[in-house]
Protein backbone atom coordinates (compact mmCIF):
# COMPACT_ATOMS: atom_id res chain seq x y z
CA GLU A 1 0.00 0.00 0.00
CA VAL A 2 2.90 2.35 0.86
CA GLY A 3 4.34 1.74 -2.60
CA GLY A 4 1.02 2.77 -4.13
CA ASP A 5 1.04 6.11 -2.27
CA LEU A 6 4.60 6.83 -3.37
CA CYS A 7 3.61 6.03 -6.92
CA LEU A 8 0.75 8.54 -6.76
CA ILE A 9 3.08 11.28 -5.50
CA ALA A 10 5.63 10.47 -8.22
CA VAL A 11 2.93 10.83 -10.88
CA ALA A 12 1.73 14.12 -9.38
CA THR A 13 5.21 15.62 -9.44
CA SER A 14 6.54 14.34 -12.75
CA LEU A 15 6.45 17.28 -15.10
CA ASP A 16 6.29 17.19 -18.86
CA PHE A 17 6.86 19.95 -21.38
CA LYS A 18 3.34 21.03 -22.20
CA TYR A 19 0.93 23.77 -21.18
CA HIS A 20 -0.69 23.19 -17.82
CA HIS A 21 -4.18 24.60 -17.44
CA THR A 22 -5.64 25.66 -14.07
CA GLU A 23 -6.54 22.19 -12.74
CA GLU A 24 -3.25 20.60 -13.87
CA LEU A 25 -1.20 23.49 -12.52
CA GLU A 26 -2.97 23.24 -9.18
CA ALA A 27 -2.54 19.45 -9.07
CA TYR A 28 1.17 19.79 -9.86
CA LEU A 29 1.78 22.35 -7.10
CA LYS A 30 -0.17 20.27 -4.58
CA GLY A 31 1.79 17.18 -5.62
CA VAL A 32 5.12 18.95 -5.11
CA HIS A 33 4.04 20.14 -1.68
CA ALA A 34 2.90 16.62 -0.73
CA SER A 35 6.25 15.19 -1.85
CA TYR A 36 8.39 17.87 -0.18
CA PRO A 37 6.35 19.08 2.82
CA SER A 38 9.32 20.34 4.84
CA LEU A 39 10.88 22.23 1.91
CA THR A 40 7.74 23.85 0.47
CA HIS A 41 4.68 25.83 1.53
CA LEU A 42 1.71 26.25 -0.84
CA HIS A 43 -0.79 29.06 -0.39
CA SER A 44 -3.09 31.27 -2.43
CA ILE A 45 -2.57 35.03 -2.06
CA GLY A 46 -6.02 35.84 -3.42
CA ARG A 47 -8.39 35.12 -6.28
CA SER A 48 -8.81 36.31 -9.84
CA VAL A 49 -11.97 38.04 -11.07
CA GLU A 50 -13.41 34.63 -12.05
CA GLY A 51 -12.46 33.16 -8.68
CA ARG A 52 -9.33 31.18 -9.60
CA ASN A 53 -6.70 30.90 -6.89
CA LEU A 54 -3.47 32.88 -7.26
CA TRP A 55 -1.13 30.14 -6.10
CA VAL A 56 2.31 30.76 -4.67
CA LEU A 57 4.72 27.95 -3.85
CA VAL A 58 7.35 28.96 -1.29
CA LEU A 59 10.62 27.02 -1.18
CA GLY A 60 13.36 27.08 1.43
CA LYS A 61 14.64 25.55 4.63
CA PHE A 62 11.96 27.54 6.52
CA PRO A 63 9.18 27.77 3.93
CA THR A 64 6.26 28.74 6.17
CA HIS A 65 7.61 31.94 7.69
CA HIS A 66 10.24 34.65 7.48
CA LYS A 67 13.46 33.94 9.39
CA ILE A 68 15.74 36.78 10.53
CA GLY A 69 18.65 37.22 8.12
CA ILE A 70 17.13 35.14 5.32
CA PRO A 71 16.07 37.34 2.40
CA GLU A 72 12.79 36.87 0.53
CA PHE A 73 12.83 36.45 -3.26
CA LYS A 74 9.98 36.14 -5.78
CA TYR A 75 9.24 35.24 -9.39
CA VAL A 76 5.86 36.14 -10.91
CA ALA A 77 4.80 34.96 -14.37
CA ASN A 78 1.84 35.08 -16.76
CA MET A 79 0.73 38.56 -15.66
CA HIS A 80 -0.37 38.96 -19.26
CA GLY A 81 -2.47 35.84 -19.77
CA ASP A 82 -1.34 35.24 -23.37
CA GLU A 83 2.39 35.43 -22.49
CA THR A 84 2.88 31.85 -21.47
CA VAL A 85 6.54 30.81 -21.45
CA GLY A 86 7.22 32.11 -17.93
CA ARG A 87 4.25 30.18 -16.54
CA GLU A 88 5.73 26.88 -17.69
CA ILE A 89 9.41 27.49 -16.99
CA LEU A 90 8.59 28.44 -13.39
CA LEU A 91 7.00 25.01 -12.95
CA HIS A 92 10.23 23.48 -14.28
CA LEU A 93 12.27 25.70 -11.95
CA ILE A 94 10.24 24.34 -9.01
CA ASP A 95 10.88 20.80 -10.24
CA PHE A 96 14.62 21.49 -10.58
CA LEU A 97 14.95 23.06 -7.12
CA VAL A 98 13.09 20.38 -5.16
CA THR A 99 14.77 17.45 -6.93
CA SER A 100 18.27 19.01 -6.62
CA TYR A 101 17.98 19.90 -2.93
CA GLY A 102 20.28 17.70 -0.86
CA HIS A 103 22.10 16.49 -4.00
CA ASP A 104 23.37 19.66 -5.68
CA PRO A 105 25.49 21.70 -3.19
CA VAL A 106 24.67 25.05 -4.86
CA VAL A 107 20.90 24.51 -4.86
CA THR A 108 21.08 23.17 -1.31
CA ARG A 109 22.91 26.27 -0.04
CA LEU A 110 20.61 28.53 -2.03
CA LEU A 111 17.48 27.03 -0.45
CA ASN A 112 19.05 26.95 3.03
CA ASN A 113 19.80 30.67 2.85
CA THR A 114 16.94 32.11 0.75
CA ARG A 115 13.16 31.96 0.90
CA ILE A 116 11.94 31.70 -2.71
CA HIS A 117 8.32 32.51 -3.66
CA ILE A 118 7.11 31.33 -7.07
CA MET A 119 3.82 32.48 -8.60
CA PRO A 120 3.41 30.70 -11.97
CA THR A 121 0.36 32.76 -12.98
CA MET A 122 -0.90 36.16 -11.88
CA ASN A 123 -3.60 36.16 -14.56
CA PRO A 124 -5.13 32.66 -14.75
CA ASP A 125 -8.35 34.05 -16.29
CA GLY A 126 -6.46 35.61 -19.20
CA PHE A 127 -4.58 32.36 -19.79
CA GLU A 128 -7.78 30.32 -19.87
CA ALA A 129 -9.43 32.91 -22.15
CA THR A 130 -6.69 32.50 -24.77
CA LYS A 131 -8.31 29.76 -26.85
CA VAL A 132 -6.10 30.12 -29.93
CA PRO A 133 -2.39 30.36 -29.10
CA ASP A 134 -0.74 33.14 -31.09
CA CYS A 135 2.66 34.78 -31.27
CA TYR A 136 1.12 38.22 -31.22
CA TYR A 137 -1.25 40.26 -29.11
CA SER A 138 -4.59 38.76 -28.06
CA ARG A 139 -7.44 39.63 -25.67
CA GLY A 140 -6.04 37.06 -23.24
CA ARG A 141 -3.44 39.65 -22.30
CA TYR A 142 -6.00 41.30 -19.99
CA ASN A 143 -7.81 40.05 -16.93
CA LYS A 144 -11.52 39.19 -17.03
CA ASN A 145 -12.44 42.88 -16.59
CA GLY A 146 -10.39 43.81 -19.65
CA GLU A 147 -7.69 45.49 -17.56
CA ASP A 148 -3.95 45.29 -18.26
CA LEU A 149 -2.50 44.24 -14.89
CA ASN A 150 0.87 45.78 -15.77
CA ARG A 151 -0.77 49.23 -16.02
CA ASN A 152 -2.82 48.74 -12.87
CA PHE A 153 -0.51 49.63 -9.96
CA PRO A 154 -0.13 53.01 -8.26
CA ASP A 155 2.43 55.04 -10.20
CA ALA A 156 5.25 57.07 -8.65
CA PHE A 157 5.14 59.73 -11.36
CA GLU A 158 1.53 60.48 -12.19
CA ASN A 159 -1.97 59.71 -10.97
CA ASN A 160 -2.80 56.33 -12.40
CA ASN A 161 -6.60 56.61 -12.51
CA VAL A 162 -7.48 52.93 -12.80
CA SER A 163 -9.68 50.74 -10.67
CA VAL A 164 -7.32 48.35 -8.90
CA GLN A 165 -8.10 44.77 -9.92
CA PRO A 166 -8.34 41.83 -7.47
CA GLU A 167 -5.17 40.29 -8.92
CA THR A 168 -3.27 43.58 -8.48
CA GLN A 169 -4.60 44.09 -4.95
CA ALA A 170 -3.58 40.55 -4.00
CA VAL A 171 -0.01 41.21 -5.16
CA MET A 172 0.12 44.58 -3.37
CA ASN A 173 -1.02 42.93 -0.11
CA TRP A 174 1.53 40.15 -0.61
CA ILE A 175 4.35 42.68 -1.09
CA LYS A 176 3.23 44.52 2.05
CA ASN A 177 3.17 41.34 4.15
CA GLU A 178 6.59 39.97 3.17
CA THR A 179 10.09 41.47 3.28
CA PHE A 180 10.82 40.99 -0.42
CA VAL A 181 14.32 42.07 -1.46
CA LEU A 182 14.56 40.98 -5.08
CA SER A 183 12.06 39.93 -7.73
CA ALA A 184 11.48 39.45 -11.43
CA ASN A 185 8.31 39.30 -13.47
CA LEU A 186 8.28 37.12 -16.56
CA HIS A 187 6.73 38.27 -19.84
CA GLY A 188 6.88 37.44 -23.55
CA GLY A 189 6.91 39.23 -26.89
CA ALA A 190 10.59 40.26 -26.84
CA LEU A 191 13.95 38.97 -25.62
CA VAL A 192 15.40 41.43 -23.11
CA ALA A 193 15.85 42.20 -19.41
CA SER A 194 14.21 45.54 -18.63
CA TYR A 195 14.76 47.53 -15.43
CA PRO A 196 13.30 50.62 -13.64
CA PHE A 197 12.15 53.14 -14.13
CA ASP A 198 9.34 52.37 -16.58
CA ASN A 199 7.97 55.88 -16.12
CA GLY A 200 9.80 59.11 -15.44
CA ASN A 201 10.05 62.87 -15.35
CA SER A 202 12.75 65.55 -15.31
CA VAL A 203 13.95 64.44 -11.85
CA THR A 204 14.85 60.97 -13.14
CA GLY A 205 16.35 62.33 -16.36
CA SER A 206 13.60 61.13 -18.66
CA LEU A 207 14.17 64.19 -20.89
CA LYS A 208 17.32 62.38 -22.03
CA GLY A 209 15.29 59.26 -22.84
CA TYR A 210 16.49 57.25 -19.83
CA SER A 211 14.68 57.24 -16.49
CA LYS A 212 17.35 56.60 -13.89
CA SER A 213 16.69 55.24 -10.40
CA PRO A 214 19.01 55.92 -7.43
CA ASP A 215 20.19 52.30 -7.75
CA ASP A 216 20.77 52.31 -11.50
CA ASP A 217 24.15 50.52 -11.18
CA VAL A 218 22.55 47.66 -9.25
CA PHE A 219 19.71 47.36 -11.78
CA VAL A 220 22.12 47.25 -14.73
CA HIS A 221 24.04 44.50 -12.92
CA LEU A 222 20.84 42.54 -12.21
CA ALA A 223 19.65 42.78 -15.83
CA LYS A 224 23.09 41.71 -17.12
CA THR A 225 23.22 38.82 -14.64
CA TYR A 226 20.12 37.44 -16.33
CA SER A 227 21.00 38.27 -19.93
CA PHE A 228 24.58 36.92 -19.75
CA ASN A 229 23.50 33.67 -18.07
CA HIS A 230 20.75 33.19 -20.66
CA ALA A 231 21.61 31.17 -23.76
CA SER A 232 21.19 34.09 -26.18
CA MET A 233 19.63 37.19 -24.57
CA HIS A 234 23.03 38.91 -24.09
CA ARG A 235 23.62 38.92 -27.86
CA GLY A 236 21.07 41.71 -28.05
CA THR A 237 19.50 40.69 -31.32
CA GLY A 238 15.87 41.62 -30.85
CA CYS A 239 12.90 39.86 -32.36
CA ASP A 240 13.09 41.87 -35.57
CA SER A 241 15.56 44.13 -37.32
CA ARG A 242 14.06 47.29 -35.81
CA GLN A 243 14.65 46.23 -32.23
CA THR A 244 18.12 45.67 -30.85
CA PHE A 245 19.11 45.71 -27.19
CA PRO A 246 22.87 46.02 -26.54
CA GLN A 247 23.88 43.25 -24.10
CA GLY A 248 20.24 42.13 -23.96
CA ILE A 249 19.17 44.78 -21.44
CA THR A 250 17.20 48.04 -21.49
CA ASN A 251 16.01 50.78 -19.17
CA GLY A 252 12.23 50.43 -19.18
CA TYR A 253 11.54 54.05 -20.07
CA SER A 254 14.14 54.01 -22.88
CA TRP A 255 12.23 51.17 -24.50
CA TYR A 256 8.74 52.63 -24.03
CA GLN A 257 7.06 54.65 -21.31
CA LEU A 258 4.70 52.74 -19.09
CA GLU A 259 2.41 53.97 -16.33
CA GLY A 260 1.23 51.82 -13.41
CA GLY A 261 3.79 49.06 -13.94
CA MET A 262 4.57 46.39 -11.38
CA GLN A 263 8.36 46.78 -11.34
CA ASP A 264 8.30 50.48 -10.42
CA TYR A 265 5.69 49.75 -7.72
CA ASN A 266 7.90 47.03 -6.19
CA TYR A 267 10.94 49.30 -6.13
CA VAL A 268 9.29 52.51 -4.87
CA TRP A 269 6.67 51.18 -2.45
CA GLY A 270 7.71 47.59 -1.81
CA GLN A 271 11.44 48.11 -1.08
CA CYS A 272 11.97 45.28 -3.55
CA PHE A 273 14.21 45.51 -6.63
CA GLU A 274 12.28 44.04 -9.55
CA ILE A 275 13.15 43.68 -13.22
CA THR A 276 10.97 42.55 -16.12
CA LEU A 277 12.16 39.56 -18.14
CA GLU A 278 10.91 39.27 -21.71
CA LEU A 279 11.66 35.65 -22.56
CA SER A 280 10.28 34.85 -26.00
CA CYS A 281 9.66 36.63 -29.29
CA CYS A 282 6.49 34.61 -29.63
CA LYS A 283 4.02 35.29 -26.82
CA TYR A 284 2.36 31.84 -26.85
CA PRO A 285 4.74 29.46 -28.65
CA PRO A 286 3.95 25.82 -29.58
CA GLU A 287 4.49 23.44 -26.67
CA GLU A 288 7.23 21.52 -28.48
CA GLU A 289 9.43 24.61 -27.97
CA LEU A 290 8.97 24.69 -24.18
CA GLU A 291 11.88 22.36 -23.43
CA LYS A 292 14.29 24.65 -25.28
CA PHE A 293 12.95 27.69 -23.40
CA TRP A 294 13.65 25.87 -20.15
CA THR A 295 17.23 24.97 -21.12
CA ASP A 296 17.86 28.53 -22.37
CA ASN A 297 16.70 30.07 -19.07
CA LYS A 298 17.62 27.49 -16.43
CA VAL A 299 21.05 28.86 -15.44
CA ALA A 300 19.90 32.49 -15.60
CA LEU A 301 16.90 31.82 -13.33
CA VAL A 302 19.16 30.37 -10.62
CA GLU A 303 21.98 32.93 -10.98
CA TYR A 304 19.46 35.75 -10.71
CA ILE A 305 18.07 34.40 -7.41
CA LYS A 306 21.62 34.43 -5.96
CA GLN A 307 21.74 38.23 -6.40
CA VAL A 308 19.36 38.58 -3.43
CA HIS A 309 22.57 38.14 -1.37
CA LEU A 310 24.27 41.25 -2.78
CA GLY A 311 25.05 44.18 -0.51
CA VAL A 312 24.39 44.59 3.18
CA LYS A 313 21.79 43.45 5.71
CA GLY A 314 21.31 43.63 9.44
CA GLN A 315 19.13 44.51 12.39
CA VAL A 316 18.42 47.79 14.15
CA THR A 317 17.90 47.26 17.89
CA ASP A 318 17.87 49.11 21.20
CA LYS A 319 20.49 48.49 23.90
CA ASN A 320 18.54 45.47 25.18
CA GLY A 321 18.53 43.88 21.75
CA ASN A 322 14.86 44.62 21.08
CA PRO A 323 14.16 45.20 17.37
CA ILE A 324 13.28 48.71 16.19
CA PRO A 325 10.74 48.57 13.35
CA ASN A 326 10.30 51.52 10.95
CA ALA A 327 13.88 52.76 11.32
CA ILE A 328 15.06 54.24 8.01
CA VAL A 329 18.21 52.52 6.70
CA GLU A 330 19.71 53.73 3.42
CA ALA A 331 23.10 54.11 1.78
CA LYS A 332 24.34 57.70 1.60
CA GLY A 333 23.73 59.21 -1.83
CA ARG A 334 20.91 56.73 -2.55
CA ARG A 335 17.88 58.23 -0.89
CA HIS A 336 14.72 56.49 -1.95
CA VAL A 337 11.78 58.77 -2.55
CA CYS A 338 9.82 56.49 -0.22
CA PRO A 339 12.30 55.73 2.62
CA TYR A 340 13.43 52.11 3.01
CA GLN A 341 12.53 51.05 6.54
CA THR A 342 13.13 48.11 8.85
CA ASN A 343 10.48 45.42 9.23
CA GLU A 344 8.82 44.25 12.45
CA GLN A 345 12.02 42.36 13.40
CA GLY A 346 14.07 45.54 12.91
CA GLU A 347 15.69 44.08 9.78
CA TYR A 348 16.89 45.83 6.65
CA PHE A 349 18.30 44.53 3.36
CA LEU A 350 20.07 46.84 0.87
CA LEU A 351 21.19 45.56 -2.52
CA LEU A 352 24.53 47.22 -3.34
CA LEU A 353 27.42 46.32 -5.62
CA PRO A 354 30.84 45.63 -4.01
CA GLY A 355 32.50 48.84 -2.77
CA THR A 356 32.65 51.28 0.14
CA TYR A 357 29.42 52.83 1.38
CA VAL A 358 28.19 54.91 4.30
CA ILE A 359 25.02 53.38 5.73
CA ASN A 360 22.71 55.76 7.60
CA ALA A 361 20.28 54.30 10.15
CA THR A 362 17.73 56.80 11.45
CA VAL A 363 15.06 56.35 14.08
CA PRO A 364 12.50 58.94 12.88
CA GLY A 365 12.24 61.97 15.14
CA PHE A 366 15.09 60.69 17.28
CA GLN A 367 18.65 60.18 16.02
CA SER A 368 20.87 58.88 13.22
CA MET A 369 23.87 56.59 13.17
CA LEU A 370 26.39 56.35 10.32
CA LYS A 371 28.59 53.35 9.62
CA THR A 372 31.11 52.94 6.80
CA VAL A 373 31.07 49.46 5.30
CA GLU A 374 33.31 47.72 2.78
CA ILE A 375 31.01 45.43 0.80
CA PRO A 376 32.60 42.37 -0.83
CA ASN A 377 30.94 40.24 -3.50
CA ASN A 378 29.14 37.82 -1.23
CA THR A 379 26.64 36.21 -3.60
CA GLY A 380 28.79 33.06 -3.74
CA ASN A 381 28.59 32.81 0.07
CA PHE A 382 24.78 33.17 -0.02
CA SER A 383 24.85 35.95 2.56
CA ALA A 384 25.06 39.72 2.24
CA LEU A 385 27.51 41.53 4.54
CA LYS A 386 26.05 41.78 8.04
CA GLN A 387 25.96 45.21 9.73
CA ASP A 388 23.80 45.77 12.79
CA PHE A 389 22.92 49.07 14.46
CA SER A 390 22.26 49.42 18.18
CA PHE A 391 20.70 52.60 19.61
CA LEU A 392 21.23 53.28 23.32
CA GLU A 393 17.94 55.01 23.90
CA VAL A 394 14.89 55.09 21.71
CA PRO A 395 11.32 56.27 21.98
CA VAL A 396 8.96 53.51 23.09
CA ARG A 397 7.24 53.18 19.71
CA THR A 398 8.73 54.48 16.50
CA ARG A 399 6.27 55.67 13.90
CA ALA A 400 6.70 54.77 10.28
CA ALA A 401 7.95 57.61 8.09
CA SER A 402 5.04 58.63 5.94
CA CYS A 403 5.06 57.35 2.40
CA PRO A 404 2.01 58.63 0.55
CA LYS A 405 0.39 56.63 -2.22
CA SER A 406 0.30 59.78 -4.35
CA PRO A 407 2.79 60.14 -7.22
CA LEU A 408 5.92 60.85 -5.19
CA TYR A 409 8.16 61.93 -8.03
CA ARG A 410 5.79 64.69 -9.06
CA GLU A 411 6.46 66.48 -5.80
CA LEU A 412 10.20 66.13 -6.37
CA GLU A 413 9.80 67.57 -9.86
CA TRP A 414 7.93 70.61 -8.54
CA ALA A 415 10.49 71.11 -5.78
CA SER A 416 13.44 70.98 -8.18
CA ALA A 417 11.68 73.29 -10.63
CA ALA A 418 11.03 75.73 -7.79
CA ALA A 419 14.67 75.56 -6.71
CA ALA A 420 15.80 76.22 -10.27
CA LYS A 421 13.55 79.29 -10.58
CA PRO A 422 13.58 81.02 -7.21
CA THR A 423 12.50 84.35 -8.67
CA LEU A 424 9.38 82.88 -10.25
CA HIS A 425 8.70 80.96 -7.05
CA VAL A 426 8.97 84.11 -4.95
CA TRP A 427 6.82 86.03 -7.42
CA VAL A 428 4.06 83.37 -7.21
CA LEU A 429 4.23 83.45 -3.40
CA MET A 430 4.00 87.25 -3.35
CA THR A 431 1.02 87.17 -5.71
CA ILE A 432 -0.74 84.67 -3.43
CA MET A 433 0.02 86.79 -0.37
CA LEU A 434 -1.37 89.91 -2.11
CA VAL A 435 -4.56 88.07 -3.01
CA ILE A 436 -4.95 86.85 0.57
CA PHE A 437 -4.41 90.31 2.06
CA LYS A 438 -6.79 91.93 -0.41
């Protein structure tokens, strides 16, 4: 009888190269969890418009909860329902990770030191609505309400007047409830690694056709890590003669401007560095090509996860070792428009390339502490440099620094414009004062 049970599990977790519809995808994920209960945790973060579960499989030594010092990583695919390659290769990534654990030393160390969240489909309704697979655009791109989920997030640059969809809200809640450090979302229709910002204004240099984030060097490194570990992405030959991407990477805004995108939302409001991976010229290729897509992406998918261990991490505590949540911790010269703050355990994670940095820890309304750190390349050791901060005295409860949901970069743009034209600024103020006094 025991043999029969094992046989059932083996069937549930054997994975072929074909498209897996909702029931099969669900059965596969449940089978993996049944086979590897101590290494995986399966949960749904919400439901689609039509009520399908948005499944996430978490993998790691401590899959059910966050552990201090272990960074959180995520992959999200099939956000556009008709872009299907990512959906399938994430299932194969799951298969590779669980079967290699305990046998392959690299995968074993990766899973012992990282908590990896995999969401094979963010738009199951769109996938099921795509009845005729096609290389080009189809209605299946959108969710059931006809909304493009990658235009549906709050935007840091302008008011994104859209009604937030259940799928989008589920992802926003998920980001809020986890300490995600690094992420990628998988798309199709091109072959390139694209990085923030997707939108921009004069503050981020968009007038020059490139919208630069404070961590541009890190983003370029992340995009190149993927493209150079991919079988062909780094060659930069696009899907047609008009489109070429040197080294297989692009700044999102340089490629085309996009409002309400998920990667900018992750970076600005989620404290999570996310890039967008375009993995196939054909959006919904024939299933006989899926095996090649997996072999082309396998190394890159694993190498990219390792980058979650770049930079510096640590805890901010009081003199008794109690964690201080909501302390702002940032590298000097890299102020985020929405301050990066410690979580409930007082932890912070900052992705930085090797080099010397000054890290500033601030307890809002209280005091700051500066520490100079020399950051080595620690990705091979599966642990960022550790740097803790201990404050002797702190207020009983620190309040979170306010981070409005309004377009943050617009305020910066106005401020810089005002600074550039003080005379005009003063003139406007004087006019207002005159009107008031009249």
